[in-house]
């Protein structure tokens, strides 16, 4: 059995994570680090293009992403299944509404991440299917999305695991919108021709 359970538990894991999933990655890595405290981790947070470049250049072992890259041959494994939720500030007028239509939510200004991110793809698909052309503010990561929403700049779609703490402490609210929540998969990918170390395989 070639695993870290039977071998030296030291090593180095090189990961890239999408900007939009940085907070989610921290949760996942926390559990891994507790199980294998002697493993060193290098984590690069960047945009989608930077992730793809790192995979192509073989400078990382694995990438955590919402949507699987099409620009390079990869192997993809589902790391976590969660939901995408419509999020607003706690004092937003729609917080008290029930079964909000997509037409109604489409009139709001949306705060979302970079083109190609999993949450952006999900939002574009949901709204375009109903021919809704929303106004928006584009930012680089989910933390900034949350801050902008909290300040009343608009509404957004975020993975449940990224907003659980804020919702629990009434910093942000989940809107009751038709068709939501959406299923959302967070994937672990590596270049198809990548020879993974024992550390990477264990992760």
N, C-alpha and C. Protein backbone atom coordinates (compact mmCIF):
# COMPACT_ATOMS: atom_id res chain seq x y z
N UNK A 1 0.85 -1.20 0.00
CA UNK A 1 0.00 0.00 0.00
C UNK A 1 0.88 1.24 0.00
N UNK A 2 0.94 1.96 -1.12
CA UNK A 2 1.77 3.16 -1.23
C UNK A 2 0.96 4.38 -0.82
N UNK A 3 0.95 4.68 0.43
CA UNK A 3 0.23 5.85 0.90
C UNK A 3 1.01 6.47 2.04
N UNK A 4 0.64 7.69 2.39
CA UNK A 4 1.32 8.37 3.48
C UNK A 4 1.04 7.72 4.82
N UNK A 5 0.03 6.85 4.86
CA UNK A 5 -0.28 6.16 6.11
C UNK A 5 0.81 5.16 6.46
N UNK A 6 1.55 4.68 5.44
CA UNK A 6 2.57 3.66 5.68
C UNK A 6 3.97 4.16 5.40
N UNK A 7 4.12 5.41 4.95
CA UNK A 7 5.42 5.96 4.62
C UNK A 7 5.68 7.25 5.40
N UNK A 8 6.85 7.81 5.18
CA UNK A 8 7.21 9.08 5.79
C UNK A 8 6.18 10.14 5.41
N UNK A 9 5.63 10.81 6.40
CA UNK A 9 4.54 11.74 6.14
C UNK A 9 5.02 13.15 5.83
N UNK A 10 6.28 13.29 5.44
CA UNK A 10 6.78 14.59 5.05
C UNK A 10 6.74 14.72 3.53
N UNK A 11 6.75 15.96 3.06
CA UNK A 11 6.73 16.19 1.63
C UNK A 11 6.30 17.62 1.34
N UNK A 12 6.08 17.90 0.07
CA UNK A 12 5.73 19.25 -0.36
C UNK A 12 4.61 19.16 -1.39
N UNK A 13 3.53 19.88 -1.13
CA UNK A 13 2.38 19.90 -2.03
C UNK A 13 2.24 21.29 -2.63
N UNK A 14 2.21 21.35 -3.97
CA UNK A 14 2.07 22.63 -4.67
C UNK A 14 0.68 22.71 -5.30
N UNK A 15 -0.07 23.72 -4.87
CA UNK A 15 -1.45 23.86 -5.31
C UNK A 15 -1.70 25.24 -5.91
N UNK A 16 -2.63 25.28 -6.86
CA UNK A 16 -3.15 26.56 -7.35
C UNK A 16 -4.65 26.56 -7.11
N UNK A 17 -5.17 27.70 -6.72
CA UNK A 17 -6.61 27.80 -6.46
C UNK A 17 -7.15 29.05 -7.13
N UNK A 18 -8.35 28.93 -7.66
CA UNK A 18 -8.99 30.07 -8.30
C UNK A 18 -9.29 31.15 -7.27
N UNK A 19 -9.18 32.42 -7.70
CA UNK A 19 -9.49 33.54 -6.81
C UNK A 19 -10.83 33.35 -6.11
N UNK A 20 -11.82 32.89 -6.87
CA UNK A 20 -13.18 32.79 -6.34
C UNK A 20 -13.34 31.70 -5.30
N UNK A 21 -12.33 30.82 -5.17
CA UNK A 21 -12.44 29.69 -4.24
C UNK A 21 -11.40 29.74 -3.13
N UNK A 22 -10.77 30.88 -2.93
CA UNK A 22 -9.69 30.96 -1.94
C UNK A 22 -10.16 30.62 -0.53
N UNK A 23 -11.33 31.11 -0.14
CA UNK A 23 -11.82 30.82 1.21
C UNK A 23 -12.21 29.36 1.35
N UNK A 24 -12.75 28.77 0.28
CA UNK A 24 -13.11 27.36 0.30
C UNK A 24 -11.86 26.50 0.40
N UNK A 25 -10.82 26.88 -0.35
CA UNK A 25 -9.57 26.13 -0.33
C UNK A 25 -8.96 26.11 1.06
N UNK A 26 -9.07 27.23 1.78
CA UNK A 26 -8.52 27.31 3.13
C UNK A 26 -9.19 26.29 4.05
N UNK A 27 -10.49 26.10 3.89
CA UNK A 27 -11.22 25.12 4.69
C UNK A 27 -10.74 23.70 4.38
N UNK A 28 -10.61 23.41 3.08
CA UNK A 28 -10.18 22.08 2.65
C UNK A 28 -8.75 21.79 3.12
N UNK A 29 -7.87 22.77 2.94
CA UNK A 29 -6.46 22.59 3.31
C UNK A 29 -6.29 22.47 4.81
N UNK A 30 -7.18 23.12 5.56
CA UNK A 30 -7.09 23.03 7.02
C UNK A 30 -7.21 21.60 7.50
N UNK A 31 -8.16 20.86 6.93
CA UNK A 31 -8.35 19.47 7.31
C UNK A 31 -7.17 18.60 6.92
N UNK A 32 -6.62 18.86 5.73
CA UNK A 32 -5.46 18.09 5.26
C UNK A 32 -4.24 18.36 6.13
N UNK A 33 -4.02 19.61 6.49
CA UNK A 33 -2.86 19.97 7.30
C UNK A 33 -2.94 19.35 8.69
N UNK A 34 -4.15 19.25 9.24
CA UNK A 34 -4.31 18.62 10.55
C UNK A 34 -3.96 17.13 10.49
N UNK A 35 -4.31 16.49 9.36
CA UNK A 35 -4.02 15.07 9.21
C UNK A 35 -2.53 14.82 8.94
N UNK A 36 -1.91 15.76 8.21
CA UNK A 36 -0.50 15.60 7.84
C UNK A 36 0.26 16.90 8.14
N UNK A 37 0.51 17.19 9.41
CA UNK A 37 1.09 18.48 9.81
C UNK A 37 2.52 18.70 9.32
N UNK A 38 3.24 17.64 8.95
CA UNK A 38 4.63 17.80 8.55
C UNK A 38 4.78 18.09 7.06
N UNK A 39 3.68 18.07 6.33
CA UNK A 39 3.75 18.35 4.90
C UNK A 39 3.74 19.86 4.67
N UNK A 40 4.67 20.33 3.85
CA UNK A 40 4.71 21.74 3.48
C UNK A 40 3.77 21.98 2.30
N UNK A 41 3.06 23.09 2.34
CA UNK A 41 2.10 23.41 1.28
C UNK A 41 2.43 24.77 0.68
N UNK A 42 2.53 24.80 -0.64
CA UNK A 42 2.66 26.06 -1.37
C UNK A 42 1.35 26.29 -2.11
N UNK A 43 0.69 27.41 -1.81
CA UNK A 43 -0.62 27.70 -2.39
C UNK A 43 -0.54 28.99 -3.19
N UNK A 44 -0.85 28.89 -4.47
CA UNK A 44 -0.86 30.06 -5.35
C UNK A 44 -2.31 30.40 -5.67
N UNK A 45 -2.73 31.60 -5.31
CA UNK A 45 -4.09 32.06 -5.60
C UNK A 45 -4.02 33.00 -6.80
N UNK A 46 -4.79 32.69 -7.83
CA UNK A 46 -4.74 33.52 -9.03
C UNK A 46 -5.98 33.37 -9.88
N UNK A 47 -5.97 34.02 -11.03
CA UNK A 47 -7.12 33.92 -11.91
C UNK A 47 -7.06 32.64 -12.74
N UNK A 48 -8.06 32.43 -13.53
CA UNK A 48 -8.18 31.19 -14.30
C UNK A 48 -7.00 31.01 -15.26
N UNK A 49 -6.60 32.08 -15.93
CA UNK A 49 -5.49 31.98 -16.87
C UNK A 49 -4.18 31.59 -16.18
N UNK A 50 -3.98 32.10 -14.98
CA UNK A 50 -2.78 31.76 -14.21
C UNK A 50 -2.79 30.29 -13.80
N UNK A 51 -3.97 29.78 -13.47
CA UNK A 51 -4.10 28.36 -13.14
C UNK A 51 -3.73 27.49 -14.33
N UNK A 52 -4.28 27.82 -15.48
CA UNK A 52 -4.03 27.04 -16.69
C UNK A 52 -2.54 27.08 -17.04
N UNK A 53 -1.93 28.26 -16.92
CA UNK A 53 -0.50 28.41 -17.22
C UNK A 53 0.34 27.53 -16.28
N UNK A 54 -0.02 27.51 -15.00
CA UNK A 54 0.71 26.70 -14.03
C UNK A 54 0.58 25.21 -14.34
N UNK A 55 -0.60 24.79 -14.77
CA UNK A 55 -0.81 23.39 -15.14
C UNK A 55 0.02 23.03 -16.37
N UNK A 56 0.03 23.93 -17.35
CA UNK A 56 0.78 23.69 -18.59
C UNK A 56 2.28 23.63 -18.33
N UNK A 57 2.76 24.48 -17.42
CA UNK A 57 4.19 24.56 -17.13
C UNK A 57 4.65 23.53 -16.10
N UNK A 58 3.70 22.75 -15.58
CA UNK A 58 4.01 21.71 -14.61
C UNK A 58 4.65 22.28 -13.34
N UNK A 59 4.26 23.51 -12.99
CA UNK A 59 4.83 24.15 -11.80
C UNK A 59 4.01 23.88 -10.54
N UNK A 60 2.88 23.19 -10.69
CA UNK A 60 2.05 22.82 -9.55
C UNK A 60 1.68 21.34 -9.65
N UNK A 61 1.26 20.78 -8.53
CA UNK A 61 0.78 19.40 -8.53
C UNK A 61 -0.69 19.34 -8.91
N UNK A 62 -1.48 20.21 -8.27
CA UNK A 62 -2.93 20.15 -8.40
C UNK A 62 -3.52 21.55 -8.43
N UNK A 63 -4.73 21.65 -8.98
CA UNK A 63 -5.45 22.92 -8.98
C UNK A 63 -6.86 22.68 -8.46
N UNK A 64 -7.34 23.62 -7.66
CA UNK A 64 -8.71 23.59 -7.16
C UNK A 64 -9.51 24.60 -7.96
N UNK A 65 -10.55 24.13 -8.63
CA UNK A 65 -11.28 25.00 -9.55
C UNK A 65 -12.76 24.64 -9.57
N UNK A 66 -13.57 25.60 -9.96
CA UNK A 66 -15.00 25.36 -10.06
C UNK A 66 -15.39 24.76 -11.40
N UNK A 67 -14.76 25.23 -12.47
CA UNK A 67 -15.05 24.70 -13.80
C UNK A 67 -13.77 24.09 -14.37
N UNK A 68 -13.87 22.89 -14.91
CA UNK A 68 -12.70 22.17 -15.41
C UNK A 68 -12.14 22.85 -16.65
N UNK A 69 -10.83 23.13 -16.69
CA UNK A 69 -10.23 23.79 -17.85
C UNK A 69 -10.41 22.96 -19.12
N UNK A 70 -10.70 23.64 -20.22
CA UNK A 70 -10.82 22.98 -21.52
C UNK A 70 -9.58 23.20 -22.37
N UNK A 71 -8.72 24.12 -21.93
CA UNK A 71 -7.57 24.52 -22.73
C UNK A 71 -6.40 23.54 -22.65
N UNK A 72 -6.48 22.60 -21.70
CA UNK A 72 -5.40 21.64 -21.49
C UNK A 72 -6.02 20.31 -21.08
N UNK A 73 -5.37 19.21 -21.49
CA UNK A 73 -5.86 17.88 -21.12
C UNK A 73 -5.61 17.66 -19.63
N UNK A 74 -6.69 17.43 -18.87
CA UNK A 74 -6.57 17.25 -17.43
C UNK A 74 -7.38 16.05 -16.98
N UNK A 75 -7.05 15.57 -15.79
CA UNK A 75 -7.90 14.62 -15.08
C UNK A 75 -8.57 15.40 -13.96
N UNK A 76 -9.87 15.21 -13.83
CA UNK A 76 -10.64 15.99 -12.87
C UNK A 76 -11.37 15.06 -11.91
N UNK A 77 -11.35 15.43 -10.63
CA UNK A 77 -12.04 14.67 -9.60
C UNK A 77 -12.86 15.63 -8.75
N UNK A 78 -14.07 15.23 -8.42
CA UNK A 78 -14.92 16.08 -7.59
C UNK A 78 -14.37 16.09 -6.17
N UNK A 79 -14.01 17.27 -5.71
CA UNK A 79 -13.46 17.45 -4.37
C UNK A 79 -14.55 17.70 -3.34
N UNK A 80 -15.56 18.46 -3.77
CA UNK A 80 -16.62 18.86 -2.85
C UNK A 80 -17.86 19.22 -3.66
N UNK A 81 -19.01 18.76 -3.20
CA UNK A 81 -20.28 19.16 -3.80
C UNK A 81 -21.01 20.08 -2.83
N UNK A 82 -21.38 21.24 -3.31
CA UNK A 82 -22.05 22.21 -2.46
C UNK A 82 -23.19 22.84 -3.27
N UNK A 83 -23.65 24.00 -2.85
CA UNK A 83 -24.70 24.70 -3.58
C UNK A 83 -24.31 26.16 -3.80
N UNK A 84 -24.83 26.72 -4.87
CA UNK A 84 -24.68 28.15 -5.11
C UNK A 84 -25.95 28.84 -4.62
N UNK A 85 -25.76 29.87 -3.80
CA UNK A 85 -26.88 30.57 -3.18
C UNK A 85 -26.92 32.03 -3.63
N UNK A 86 -28.13 32.59 -3.79
CA UNK A 86 -28.25 34.03 -4.05
C UNK A 86 -28.09 34.78 -2.72
N UNK A 87 -27.17 35.73 -2.69
CA UNK A 87 -26.80 36.41 -1.44
C UNK A 87 -27.04 37.91 -1.55
N UNK A 88 -27.48 38.51 -0.44
CA UNK A 88 -27.71 39.96 -0.38
C UNK A 88 -27.33 40.47 1.00
N UNK A 89 -27.24 41.79 1.12
CA UNK A 89 -27.03 42.41 2.43
C UNK A 89 -28.24 42.14 3.31
N UNK A 90 -28.04 42.12 4.62
CA UNK A 90 -29.13 41.77 5.54
C UNK A 90 -30.29 42.77 5.49
N UNK A 91 -30.01 44.00 5.07
CA UNK A 91 -31.07 45.01 5.01
C UNK A 91 -31.61 45.22 3.60
N UNK A 92 -31.29 44.31 2.69
CA UNK A 92 -31.78 44.43 1.31
C UNK A 92 -33.30 44.21 1.29
N UNK A 93 -34.05 44.99 0.52
CA UNK A 93 -35.52 44.86 0.49
C UNK A 93 -36.02 43.47 0.10
N UNK A 94 -35.25 42.73 -0.68
CA UNK A 94 -35.71 41.41 -1.14
C UNK A 94 -35.54 40.31 -0.09
N UNK A 95 -34.84 40.60 1.00
CA UNK A 95 -34.58 39.58 2.02
C UNK A 95 -35.89 39.03 2.59
N UNK A 96 -36.90 39.86 2.71
CA UNK A 96 -38.18 39.44 3.30
C UNK A 96 -39.13 38.81 2.28
N UNK A 97 -38.75 38.84 1.01
CA UNK A 97 -39.63 38.31 -0.04
C UNK A 97 -39.46 36.79 -0.17
N UNK A 98 -40.51 36.13 -0.67
CA UNK A 98 -40.49 34.69 -0.89
C UNK A 98 -40.64 34.39 -2.39
N UNK A 99 -39.97 33.32 -2.83
CA UNK A 99 -40.06 32.85 -4.21
C UNK A 99 -39.86 33.99 -5.22
N UNK A 100 -38.76 34.69 -5.07
CA UNK A 100 -38.43 35.81 -5.94
C UNK A 100 -38.18 35.30 -7.36
N UNK A 101 -38.78 35.93 -8.35
CA UNK A 101 -38.60 35.49 -9.73
C UNK A 101 -37.23 35.90 -10.25
N UNK A 102 -36.75 35.18 -11.27
CA UNK A 102 -35.47 35.54 -11.89
C UNK A 102 -35.56 36.89 -12.58
N UNK A 103 -36.74 37.22 -13.07
CA UNK A 103 -36.93 38.53 -13.68
C UNK A 103 -36.73 39.64 -12.65
N UNK A 104 -37.23 39.41 -11.43
CA UNK A 104 -37.07 40.41 -10.37
C UNK A 104 -35.62 40.51 -9.93
N UNK A 105 -34.98 39.38 -9.69
CA UNK A 105 -33.58 39.41 -9.25
C UNK A 105 -32.69 39.96 -10.36
N UNK A 106 -33.10 39.76 -11.60
CA UNK A 106 -32.32 40.25 -12.73
C UNK A 106 -32.28 41.76 -12.84
N UNK A 107 -33.17 42.44 -12.12
CA UNK A 107 -33.18 43.90 -12.12
C UNK A 107 -32.16 44.48 -11.14
N UNK A 108 -31.59 43.60 -10.31
CA UNK A 108 -30.60 44.05 -9.33
C UNK A 108 -29.22 44.13 -9.98
N UNK A 109 -28.35 44.93 -9.40
CA UNK A 109 -26.95 44.94 -9.83
C UNK A 109 -26.26 43.73 -9.22
N UNK A 110 -25.53 42.98 -10.05
CA UNK A 110 -24.86 41.77 -9.58
C UNK A 110 -23.38 42.04 -9.33
N UNK A 111 -22.88 41.45 -8.25
CA UNK A 111 -21.46 41.47 -7.95
C UNK A 111 -20.93 40.07 -8.24
N UNK A 112 -19.98 39.96 -9.14
CA UNK A 112 -19.48 38.62 -9.41
C UNK A 112 -18.01 38.61 -9.79
N UNK A 113 -17.48 37.38 -9.84
CA UNK A 113 -16.05 37.19 -10.08
C UNK A 113 -15.71 37.17 -11.55
N UNK A 114 -14.47 36.80 -11.80
CA UNK A 114 -13.93 36.85 -13.15
C UNK A 114 -14.66 35.91 -14.11
N UNK A 115 -14.60 36.23 -15.39
CA UNK A 115 -15.15 35.37 -16.43
C UNK A 115 -14.46 34.01 -16.38
N UNK A 116 -15.26 32.95 -16.43
CA UNK A 116 -14.72 31.60 -16.40
C UNK A 116 -14.79 30.94 -15.04
N UNK A 117 -15.00 31.74 -13.97
CA UNK A 117 -15.12 31.14 -12.64
C UNK A 117 -16.43 30.36 -12.57
N UNK A 118 -16.45 29.34 -11.70
CA UNK A 118 -17.62 28.48 -11.62
C UNK A 118 -18.89 29.23 -11.26
N UNK A 119 -18.81 30.16 -10.31
CA UNK A 119 -20.00 30.90 -9.91
C UNK A 119 -20.45 31.84 -11.03
N UNK A 120 -19.50 32.41 -11.74
CA UNK A 120 -19.84 33.29 -12.87
C UNK A 120 -20.55 32.50 -13.96
N UNK A 121 -20.04 31.32 -14.27
CA UNK A 121 -20.67 30.47 -15.29
C UNK A 121 -22.10 30.11 -14.89
N UNK A 122 -22.28 29.75 -13.60
CA UNK A 122 -23.61 29.38 -13.12
C UNK A 122 -24.58 30.55 -13.22
N UNK A 123 -24.12 31.75 -12.85
CA UNK A 123 -24.98 32.91 -12.90
C UNK A 123 -25.33 33.28 -14.34
N UNK A 124 -24.33 33.29 -15.22
CA UNK A 124 -24.57 33.62 -16.62
C UNK A 124 -25.58 32.65 -17.23
N UNK A 125 -25.44 31.37 -16.90
CA UNK A 125 -26.34 30.35 -17.45
C UNK A 125 -27.77 30.58 -16.95
N UNK A 126 -27.93 30.83 -15.65
CA UNK A 126 -29.27 30.99 -15.08
C UNK A 126 -29.99 32.20 -15.66
N UNK A 127 -29.27 33.32 -15.77
CA UNK A 127 -29.91 34.54 -16.23
C UNK A 127 -30.10 34.56 -17.75
N UNK A 128 -29.12 34.06 -18.50
CA UNK A 128 -29.24 34.07 -19.95
C UNK A 128 -30.35 33.14 -20.42
N UNK A 129 -30.60 32.06 -19.65
CA UNK A 129 -31.68 31.14 -20.01
C UNK A 129 -33.03 31.83 -19.96
N UNK A 130 -33.12 32.91 -19.18
CA UNK A 130 -34.37 33.67 -19.09
C UNK A 130 -34.24 35.03 -19.78
N UNK A 131 -33.20 35.14 -20.64
CA UNK A 131 -33.00 36.35 -21.45
C UNK A 131 -32.91 37.61 -20.58
N UNK A 132 -32.21 37.46 -19.45
CA UNK A 132 -32.04 38.59 -18.54
C UNK A 132 -30.64 39.16 -18.72
N UNK A 133 -30.58 40.44 -19.03
CA UNK A 133 -29.30 41.12 -19.21
C UNK A 133 -29.07 42.04 -18.02
N UNK A 134 -28.35 41.55 -17.02
CA UNK A 134 -28.20 42.28 -15.76
C UNK A 134 -27.04 43.27 -15.81
N UNK A 135 -27.11 44.31 -14.97
CA UNK A 135 -25.96 45.18 -14.77
C UNK A 135 -25.09 44.56 -13.69
N UNK A 136 -23.80 44.90 -13.69
CA UNK A 136 -22.94 44.18 -12.77
C UNK A 136 -21.70 44.98 -12.38
N UNK A 137 -21.07 44.49 -11.32
CA UNK A 137 -19.75 44.93 -10.89
C UNK A 137 -18.88 43.69 -10.86
N UNK A 138 -17.74 43.71 -11.52
CA UNK A 138 -16.87 42.53 -11.58
C UNK A 138 -15.67 42.73 -10.67
N UNK A 139 -15.43 41.75 -9.80
CA UNK A 139 -14.28 41.80 -8.88
C UNK A 139 -13.50 40.50 -9.01
N UNK A 140 -12.37 40.41 -8.30
CA UNK A 140 -11.44 39.32 -8.56
C UNK A 140 -11.67 38.06 -7.72
N UNK A 141 -12.36 38.17 -6.57
CA UNK A 141 -12.50 36.99 -5.72
C UNK A 141 -13.75 37.08 -4.85
N UNK A 142 -14.08 35.95 -4.24
CA UNK A 142 -15.31 35.87 -3.45
C UNK A 142 -15.29 36.74 -2.21
N UNK A 143 -14.11 36.94 -1.61
CA UNK A 143 -14.04 37.81 -0.44
C UNK A 143 -14.46 39.23 -0.79
N UNK A 144 -14.00 39.71 -1.94
CA UNK A 144 -14.39 41.05 -2.37
C UNK A 144 -15.87 41.08 -2.76
N UNK A 145 -16.36 40.00 -3.36
CA UNK A 145 -17.79 39.91 -3.67
C UNK A 145 -18.61 40.08 -2.40
N UNK A 146 -18.20 39.37 -1.34
CA UNK A 146 -18.94 39.44 -0.07
C UNK A 146 -18.90 40.84 0.53
N UNK A 147 -17.74 41.47 0.48
CA UNK A 147 -17.63 42.83 1.03
C UNK A 147 -18.51 43.81 0.26
N UNK A 148 -18.53 43.68 -1.06
CA UNK A 148 -19.35 44.58 -1.88
C UNK A 148 -20.83 44.38 -1.60
N UNK A 149 -21.24 43.12 -1.46
CA UNK A 149 -22.65 42.82 -1.15
C UNK A 149 -23.01 43.39 0.22
N UNK A 150 -22.13 43.20 1.18
CA UNK A 150 -22.38 43.70 2.54
C UNK A 150 -22.57 45.21 2.55
N UNK A 151 -21.87 45.91 1.66
CA UNK A 151 -21.97 47.36 1.59
C UNK A 151 -23.16 47.83 0.76
N UNK A 152 -23.98 46.89 0.30
CA UNK A 152 -25.19 47.26 -0.42
C UNK A 152 -24.98 47.61 -1.88
N UNK A 153 -23.86 47.19 -2.45
CA UNK A 153 -23.57 47.52 -3.85
C UNK A 153 -24.34 46.65 -4.83
N UNK A 154 -24.89 45.53 -4.35
CA UNK A 154 -25.64 44.64 -5.22
C UNK A 154 -25.83 43.29 -4.58
N UNK A 155 -26.28 42.33 -5.38
CA UNK A 155 -26.47 40.95 -4.92
C UNK A 155 -25.49 40.06 -5.66
N UNK A 156 -25.39 38.80 -5.24
CA UNK A 156 -24.45 37.90 -5.90
C UNK A 156 -24.80 36.45 -5.69
N UNK A 157 -24.08 35.60 -6.40
CA UNK A 157 -24.21 34.15 -6.24
C UNK A 157 -22.90 33.62 -5.71
N UNK A 158 -22.97 32.87 -4.60
CA UNK A 158 -21.76 32.38 -3.96
C UNK A 158 -21.95 30.94 -3.48
N UNK A 159 -20.86 30.16 -3.44
CA UNK A 159 -20.96 28.80 -2.90
C UNK A 159 -21.35 28.84 -1.42
N UNK A 160 -22.18 27.90 -1.03
CA UNK A 160 -22.65 27.84 0.36
C UNK A 160 -21.49 27.79 1.35
N UNK A 161 -20.46 27.01 1.02
CA UNK A 161 -19.34 26.86 1.95
C UNK A 161 -18.56 28.16 2.13
N UNK A 162 -18.73 29.10 1.19
CA UNK A 162 -17.99 30.36 1.27
C UNK A 162 -18.72 31.42 2.09
N UNK A 163 -20.01 31.19 2.38
CA UNK A 163 -20.79 32.22 3.09
C UNK A 163 -21.46 31.71 4.36
N UNK A 164 -21.21 30.46 4.74
CA UNK A 164 -21.89 29.89 5.91
C UNK A 164 -21.67 30.73 7.16
N UNK A 165 -20.45 31.18 7.38
CA UNK A 165 -20.14 31.94 8.59
C UNK A 165 -20.86 33.29 8.59
N UNK A 166 -20.85 33.97 7.43
CA UNK A 166 -21.50 35.28 7.34
C UNK A 166 -23.01 35.17 7.51
N UNK A 167 -23.60 34.13 6.95
CA UNK A 167 -25.05 33.94 7.09
C UNK A 167 -25.39 33.59 8.54
N UNK A 168 -24.59 32.73 9.15
CA UNK A 168 -24.82 32.33 10.54
C UNK A 168 -24.81 33.52 11.48
N UNK A 169 -23.91 34.47 11.23
CA UNK A 169 -23.77 35.63 12.11
C UNK A 169 -24.52 36.86 11.59
N UNK A 170 -25.43 36.63 10.64
CA UNK A 170 -26.32 37.68 10.13
C UNK A 170 -25.55 38.87 9.53
N UNK A 171 -24.45 38.54 8.87
CA UNK A 171 -23.69 39.55 8.14
C UNK A 171 -24.20 39.64 6.70
N UNK A 172 -24.60 38.49 6.16
CA UNK A 172 -25.21 38.40 4.84
C UNK A 172 -26.46 37.54 4.93
N UNK A 173 -27.34 37.67 3.94
CA UNK A 173 -28.59 36.89 3.93
C UNK A 173 -28.73 36.12 2.63
N UNK A 174 -29.40 34.97 2.72
CA UNK A 174 -29.71 34.16 1.55
C UNK A 174 -31.09 34.57 1.04
N UNK A 175 -31.19 34.86 -0.26
CA UNK A 175 -32.47 35.22 -0.85
C UNK A 175 -33.22 33.98 -1.31
N UNK A 176 -34.53 34.03 -1.22
CA UNK A 176 -35.39 32.94 -1.66
C UNK A 176 -35.76 33.18 -3.13
N UNK A 177 -34.95 32.65 -4.04
CA UNK A 177 -35.11 32.89 -5.47
C UNK A 177 -35.51 31.59 -6.16
N UNK A 178 -36.46 31.67 -7.09
CA UNK A 178 -36.90 30.47 -7.80
C UNK A 178 -35.72 29.82 -8.53
N UNK A 179 -35.68 28.50 -8.47
CA UNK A 179 -34.63 27.76 -9.16
C UNK A 179 -33.35 27.60 -8.36
N UNK A 180 -33.30 28.18 -7.17
CA UNK A 180 -32.12 28.08 -6.32
C UNK A 180 -32.46 27.33 -5.03
N UNK A 181 -31.44 26.68 -4.42
CA UNK A 181 -30.01 26.69 -4.74
C UNK A 181 -29.66 25.83 -5.95
N UNK A 182 -28.51 26.11 -6.55
CA UNK A 182 -27.99 25.33 -7.66
C UNK A 182 -26.91 24.38 -7.15
N UNK A 183 -26.89 23.17 -7.70
CA UNK A 183 -25.80 22.25 -7.37
C UNK A 183 -24.49 22.80 -7.94
N UNK A 184 -23.42 22.62 -7.20
CA UNK A 184 -22.13 23.17 -7.62
C UNK A 184 -21.01 22.25 -7.17
N UNK A 185 -20.15 21.89 -8.10
CA UNK A 185 -19.03 21.00 -7.80
C UNK A 185 -17.72 21.77 -7.81
N UNK A 186 -16.92 21.53 -6.79
CA UNK A 186 -15.56 22.06 -6.73
C UNK A 186 -14.64 20.91 -7.08
N UNK A 187 -13.78 21.13 -8.07
CA UNK A 187 -12.99 20.05 -8.64
C UNK A 187 -11.51 20.16 -8.31
N UNK A 188 -10.88 19.01 -8.25
CA UNK A 188 -9.43 18.93 -8.10
C UNK A 188 -8.89 18.40 -9.42
N UNK A 189 -8.02 19.17 -10.07
CA UNK A 189 -7.54 18.76 -11.39
C UNK A 189 -6.02 18.74 -11.43
N UNK A 190 -5.51 17.94 -12.34
CA UNK A 190 -4.07 17.95 -12.63
C UNK A 190 -3.87 17.63 -14.10
N UNK A 191 -2.74 18.04 -14.64
CA UNK A 191 -2.44 17.75 -16.04
C UNK A 191 -2.48 16.24 -16.27
N UNK A 192 -3.03 15.84 -17.39
CA UNK A 192 -3.24 14.41 -17.65
C UNK A 192 -1.94 13.61 -17.63
N UNK A 193 -0.85 14.25 -18.06
CA UNK A 193 0.43 13.54 -18.10
C UNK A 193 1.27 13.77 -16.84
N UNK A 194 0.68 14.35 -15.81
CA UNK A 194 1.39 14.64 -14.57
C UNK A 194 1.59 13.37 -13.75
N UNK A 195 2.84 13.12 -13.32
CA UNK A 195 3.12 12.01 -12.41
C UNK A 195 3.02 12.55 -10.99
N UNK A 196 1.98 12.15 -10.30
CA UNK A 196 1.70 12.70 -8.97
C UNK A 196 2.57 12.04 -7.90
N UNK A 197 3.03 12.85 -6.96
CA UNK A 197 3.76 12.35 -5.80
C UNK A 197 2.78 11.68 -4.85
N UNK A 198 3.31 10.96 -3.86
CA UNK A 198 2.45 10.35 -2.85
C UNK A 198 1.65 11.40 -2.10
N UNK A 199 2.27 12.55 -1.86
CA UNK A 199 1.59 13.64 -1.16
C UNK A 199 0.38 14.11 -1.96
N UNK A 200 0.58 14.34 -3.26
CA UNK A 200 -0.51 14.81 -4.11
C UNK A 200 -1.61 13.75 -4.22
N UNK A 201 -1.23 12.48 -4.29
CA UNK A 201 -2.23 11.41 -4.37
C UNK A 201 -3.05 11.34 -3.09
N UNK A 202 -2.41 11.56 -1.95
CA UNK A 202 -3.12 11.50 -0.67
C UNK A 202 -4.14 12.63 -0.57
N UNK A 203 -3.79 13.79 -1.11
CA UNK A 203 -4.70 14.92 -1.07
C UNK A 203 -5.94 14.64 -1.92
